[in-house]
């Protein structure tokens, strides 16, 4: 009888320890779940800006605060308009219009650079401007060579499609209201003393404009925050 009681007590103690261990493990799992931050779903609309902008740690979600505008590099802020389409067209034609007979390279480079408004989140640094500006086919060395030939370039708008008119924008809308993307196609003509009859060609520029009611935009006009001349980054 004593042996039976001893065996029963041993089994009871064993099951008690198993139960206690189970409770401890369950408590740890629940605590871990409660302490793990909720993962917000990634807003697909951020893809447009994230893929076009400079690399960053990760795309913002729709709940993230809208970036604010930092200092601009020039007193010339560009066209004073609330029409993002008009700003996009002005940007595209300005990029593809210059005259070595009347302007130095620094003048041509700085003209649209003065319109570029840098975001405080660092997503559109001036290094991006430089790379995309040179994507139009000129840099300091090329411009110096063209100057010796008295070269000049003119352009006119052929087509301008914005926002919902662009397939990529529909698939990945802008992350905040007031941010617009336009792709402008311009007809470009190059002339020089040695080439007076060049055939016009077309070039496409995607322009990103930040307009009211975005908190990061000027209150009374749209601001140029990016443009892309690299064919791999143009939005269609």
Protein backbone atom coordinates (compact mmCIF):
# COMPACT_ATOMS: atom_id res chain seq x y z
CA UNK A 1 0.00 0.00 0.00
CA UNK A 2 2.83 2.38 0.85
CA UNK A 3 4.46 1.54 -2.46
CA UNK A 4 1.25 2.41 -4.33
CA UNK A 5 0.86 5.72 -2.52
CA UNK A 6 4.49 6.59 -3.21
CA UNK A 7 4.04 5.79 -6.91
CA UNK A 8 0.85 7.90 -7.06
CA UNK A 9 2.58 10.84 -5.40
CA UNK A 10 5.47 10.55 -7.86
CA UNK A 11 3.10 10.65 -10.84
CA UNK A 12 1.22 13.59 -9.37
CA UNK A 13 4.45 15.53 -8.88
CA UNK A 14 5.59 14.74 -12.45
CA UNK A 15 2.34 15.94 -14.03
CA UNK A 16 2.38 19.04 -11.85
CA UNK A 17 5.83 19.99 -13.14
CA UNK A 18 4.72 19.35 -16.74
CA UNK A 19 1.71 21.61 -16.20
CA UNK A 20 3.86 24.35 -14.66
CA UNK A 21 6.35 24.19 -17.53
CA UNK A 22 3.53 24.36 -20.05
CA UNK A 23 2.10 27.46 -18.40
CA UNK A 24 5.53 29.13 -18.38
CA UNK A 25 6.08 28.41 -22.10
CA UNK A 26 2.59 29.61 -23.00
CA UNK A 27 3.11 32.80 -20.99
CA UNK A 28 6.41 33.49 -22.75
CA UNK A 29 4.81 33.02 -26.19
CA UNK A 30 1.94 35.37 -25.37
CA UNK A 31 4.33 37.97 -23.96
CA UNK A 32 6.46 37.81 -27.08
CA UNK A 33 3.43 38.33 -29.28
CA UNK A 34 2.24 41.29 -27.22
CA UNK A 35 5.67 42.92 -27.22
CA UNK A 36 6.24 42.50 -30.99
CA UNK A 37 5.38 45.75 -32.84
CA UNK A 38 2.55 45.53 -35.31
CA UNK A 39 3.86 45.42 -38.87
CA UNK A 40 2.03 47.89 -41.08
CA UNK A 41 1.38 46.68 -44.65
CA UNK A 42 3.64 48.37 -47.16
CA UNK A 43 1.77 50.93 -49.19
CA UNK A 44 2.13 49.90 -52.82
CA UNK A 45 1.76 53.53 -53.81
CA UNK A 46 5.16 54.33 -52.38
CA UNK A 47 6.82 52.26 -55.08
CA UNK A 48 6.73 55.13 -57.58
CA UNK A 49 8.65 57.50 -55.34
CA UNK A 50 10.86 54.80 -53.79
CA UNK A 51 12.06 53.50 -57.13
CA UNK A 52 12.62 56.96 -58.55
CA UNK A 53 14.28 58.53 -55.55
CA UNK A 54 17.72 58.00 -54.04
CA UNK A 55 18.22 54.79 -52.01
CA UNK A 56 16.88 54.90 -48.47
CA UNK A 57 16.32 52.45 -45.64
CA UNK A 58 12.75 51.68 -46.61
CA UNK A 59 9.59 53.16 -48.16
CA UNK A 60 7.26 55.16 -45.93
CA UNK A 61 3.71 54.03 -45.25
CA UNK A 62 0.60 56.12 -45.71
CA UNK A 63 0.63 56.85 -41.97
CA UNK A 64 4.08 58.43 -42.14
CA UNK A 65 4.27 62.23 -41.84
CA UNK A 66 4.67 64.08 -45.12
CA UNK A 67 8.28 65.25 -45.68
CA UNK A 68 8.98 68.95 -45.38
CA UNK A 69 10.80 71.16 -47.83
CA UNK A 70 14.35 72.25 -47.10
CA UNK A 71 16.33 75.18 -48.44
CA UNK A 72 16.35 75.72 -52.19
CA UNK A 73 19.64 76.25 -54.02
CA UNK A 74 18.64 79.44 -55.81
CA UNK A 75 16.39 82.49 -55.52
CA UNK A 76 14.78 81.43 -58.81
CA UNK A 77 12.03 79.03 -57.75
CA UNK A 78 10.78 78.38 -61.27
CA UNK A 79 7.31 78.92 -62.76
CA UNK A 80 4.83 80.24 -60.19
CA UNK A 81 1.88 77.96 -60.92
CA UNK A 82 -0.55 75.59 -59.22
CA UNK A 83 -0.81 73.59 -62.45
CA UNK A 84 1.48 70.55 -62.21
CA UNK A 85 1.08 69.93 -65.95
CA UNK A 86 2.35 73.39 -66.77
CA UNK A 87 5.32 73.00 -64.41
CA UNK A 88 6.20 69.66 -66.00
CA UNK A 89 6.15 71.12 -69.51
CA UNK A 90 8.23 74.12 -68.48
CA UNK A 91 10.79 71.82 -66.84
CA UNK A 92 11.09 69.53 -69.85
CA UNK A 93 11.53 72.34 -72.38
CA UNK A 94 13.99 74.17 -70.12
CA UNK A 95 16.14 71.04 -69.86
CA UNK A 96 16.27 70.65 -73.63
CA UNK A 97 16.71 74.31 -74.58
CA UNK A 98 20.06 76.12 -74.45
CA UNK A 99 22.35 78.26 -76.58
CA UNK A 100 26.14 78.21 -76.25
CA UNK A 101 26.30 81.57 -78.05
CA UNK A 102 24.57 83.39 -75.20
CA UNK A 103 25.03 81.22 -72.09
CA UNK A 104 27.81 79.46 -70.21
CA UNK A 105 27.43 75.89 -68.99
CA UNK A 106 27.05 77.06 -65.39
CA UNK A 107 24.09 79.22 -66.44
CA UNK A 108 22.36 76.35 -68.22
CA UNK A 109 23.04 73.92 -65.37
CA UNK A 110 21.87 76.33 -62.66
CA UNK A 111 18.65 77.41 -64.35
CA UNK A 112 16.50 74.36 -63.56
CA UNK A 113 18.60 73.55 -60.51
CA UNK A 114 17.14 76.67 -58.96
CA UNK A 115 13.65 75.22 -59.36
CA UNK A 116 14.57 71.99 -57.53
CA UNK A 117 13.33 71.96 -53.93
CA UNK A 118 15.17 69.50 -51.70
CA UNK A 119 13.03 67.40 -49.34
CA UNK A 120 14.17 67.17 -45.73
CA UNK A 121 13.95 63.37 -45.84
CA UNK A 122 16.89 63.34 -48.27
CA UNK A 123 15.07 61.44 -51.01
CA UNK A 124 15.88 63.96 -53.78
CA UNK A 125 19.47 65.19 -53.24
CA UNK A 126 21.13 67.53 -55.71
CA UNK A 127 23.35 64.65 -56.82
CA UNK A 128 20.20 63.16 -58.34
CA UNK A 129 19.60 66.43 -60.16
CA UNK A 130 23.13 66.39 -61.59
CA UNK A 131 22.87 62.80 -62.82
CA UNK A 132 19.52 63.37 -64.51
CA UNK A 133 20.54 66.74 -65.95
CA UNK A 134 23.56 65.13 -67.60
CA UNK A 135 21.14 62.52 -68.94
CA UNK A 136 20.02 65.16 -71.45
CA UNK A 137 23.36 64.66 -73.19
CA UNK A 138 25.47 67.54 -71.93
CA UNK A 139 28.02 68.09 -69.20
CA UNK A 140 30.77 70.67 -68.76
CA UNK A 141 33.16 69.00 -71.21
CA UNK A 142 30.54 68.42 -73.89
CA UNK A 143 29.23 71.96 -73.54
CA UNK A 144 32.73 73.38 -73.98
CA UNK A 145 33.13 71.43 -77.22
CA UNK A 146 29.69 72.56 -78.42
CA UNK A 147 30.57 76.17 -77.61
CA UNK A 148 33.39 76.09 -80.15
CA UNK A 149 30.79 75.12 -82.75
CA UNK A 150 28.28 77.77 -81.61
CA UNK A 151 25.75 75.04 -80.99
CA UNK A 152 22.25 75.56 -79.66
CA UNK A 153 19.26 73.37 -78.87
CA UNK A 154 15.53 74.05 -79.03
CA UNK A 155 12.56 71.97 -77.94
CA UNK A 156 8.78 71.93 -77.94
CA UNK A 157 6.20 69.79 -76.16
CA UNK A 158 4.71 66.95 -78.18
CA UNK A 159 2.83 65.09 -75.46
CA UNK A 160 2.22 65.37 -71.72
CA UNK A 161 0.63 62.59 -69.68
CA UNK A 162 0.13 62.82 -65.93
CA UNK A 163 -0.94 60.68 -62.96
CA UNK A 164 -3.82 58.37 -63.95
CA UNK A 165 -2.77 58.64 -67.60
CA UNK A 166 0.41 56.72 -66.72
CA UNK A 167 0.19 52.96 -66.24
CA UNK A 168 2.95 52.81 -63.62
CA UNK A 169 1.30 55.58 -61.63
CA UNK A 170 -2.03 53.72 -61.63
CA UNK A 171 -0.27 50.59 -60.39
CA UNK A 172 1.67 52.53 -57.74
CA UNK A 173 -0.06 55.82 -56.85
CA UNK A 174 1.81 58.64 -55.14
CA UNK A 175 2.13 58.27 -51.33
CA UNK A 176 0.47 61.58 -50.47
CA UNK A 177 -2.08 63.95 -51.93
CA UNK A 178 -0.58 66.76 -53.98
CA UNK A 179 2.36 64.75 -55.36
CA UNK A 180 2.06 64.44 -59.15
CA UNK A 181 4.04 62.66 -61.85
CA UNK A 182 3.99 63.79 -65.49
CA UNK A 183 5.91 62.33 -68.41
CA UNK A 184 6.54 64.95 -71.07
CA UNK A 185 7.71 64.08 -74.57
CA UNK A 186 9.53 66.89 -76.34
CA UNK A 187 10.72 67.29 -79.91
CA UNK A 188 14.37 68.38 -79.82
CA UNK A 189 16.38 70.09 -82.54
CA UNK A 190 20.16 70.58 -82.37
CA UNK A 191 21.96 73.13 -84.53
CA UNK A 192 25.57 74.30 -84.91
CA UNK A 193 27.86 75.97 -87.45
CA UNK A 194 28.76 72.54 -88.83
CA UNK A 195 25.26 71.06 -88.63
CA UNK A 196 22.45 73.30 -89.81
CA UNK A 197 19.93 70.67 -90.85
CA UNK A 198 19.72 68.02 -88.14
CA UNK A 199 16.52 66.01 -88.02
CA UNK A 200 14.51 66.63 -84.84
CA UNK A 201 14.31 63.76 -82.37
CA UNK A 202 12.11 63.08 -79.34
CA UNK A 203 13.06 62.77 -75.68
CA UNK A 204 10.95 61.92 -72.64
CA UNK A 205 11.23 63.44 -69.17
CA UNK A 206 9.30 62.34 -66.08
CA UNK A 207 8.70 65.30 -63.79
CA UNK A 208 7.60 65.02 -60.15
CA UNK A 209 5.73 68.05 -58.80
CA UNK A 210 4.72 68.63 -55.18
CA UNK A 211 1.66 70.85 -54.94
CA UNK A 212 -0.87 72.01 -52.34
CA UNK A 213 -2.55 70.56 -50.32
CA UNK A 214 0.66 68.63 -49.50
CA UNK A 215 2.09 70.01 -46.26
CA UNK A 216 5.58 69.83 -47.75
CA UNK A 217 4.64 72.01 -50.73
CA UNK A 218 4.66 75.80 -50.93
CA UNK A 219 1.24 77.22 -50.07
CA UNK A 220 0.68 79.03 -53.35
CA UNK A 221 2.45 77.01 -56.05
CA UNK A 222 3.76 73.64 -57.14
CA UNK A 223 7.41 72.79 -56.54
CA UNK A 224 9.73 70.70 -58.69
CA UNK A 225 11.07 67.86 -56.50
CA UNK A 226 12.44 65.49 -59.16
CA UNK A 227 12.79 64.76 -62.84
CA UNK A 228 14.13 61.74 -64.69
CA UNK A 229 15.75 61.64 -68.13
CA UNK A 230 17.27 58.17 -67.76
CA UNK A 231 15.05 55.90 -69.93
CA UNK A 232 15.10 53.22 -67.23
CA UNK A 233 13.51 55.64 -64.75
CA UNK A 234 10.97 57.37 -66.97
CA UNK A 235 7.40 56.58 -65.90
CA UNK A 236 5.01 55.36 -68.60
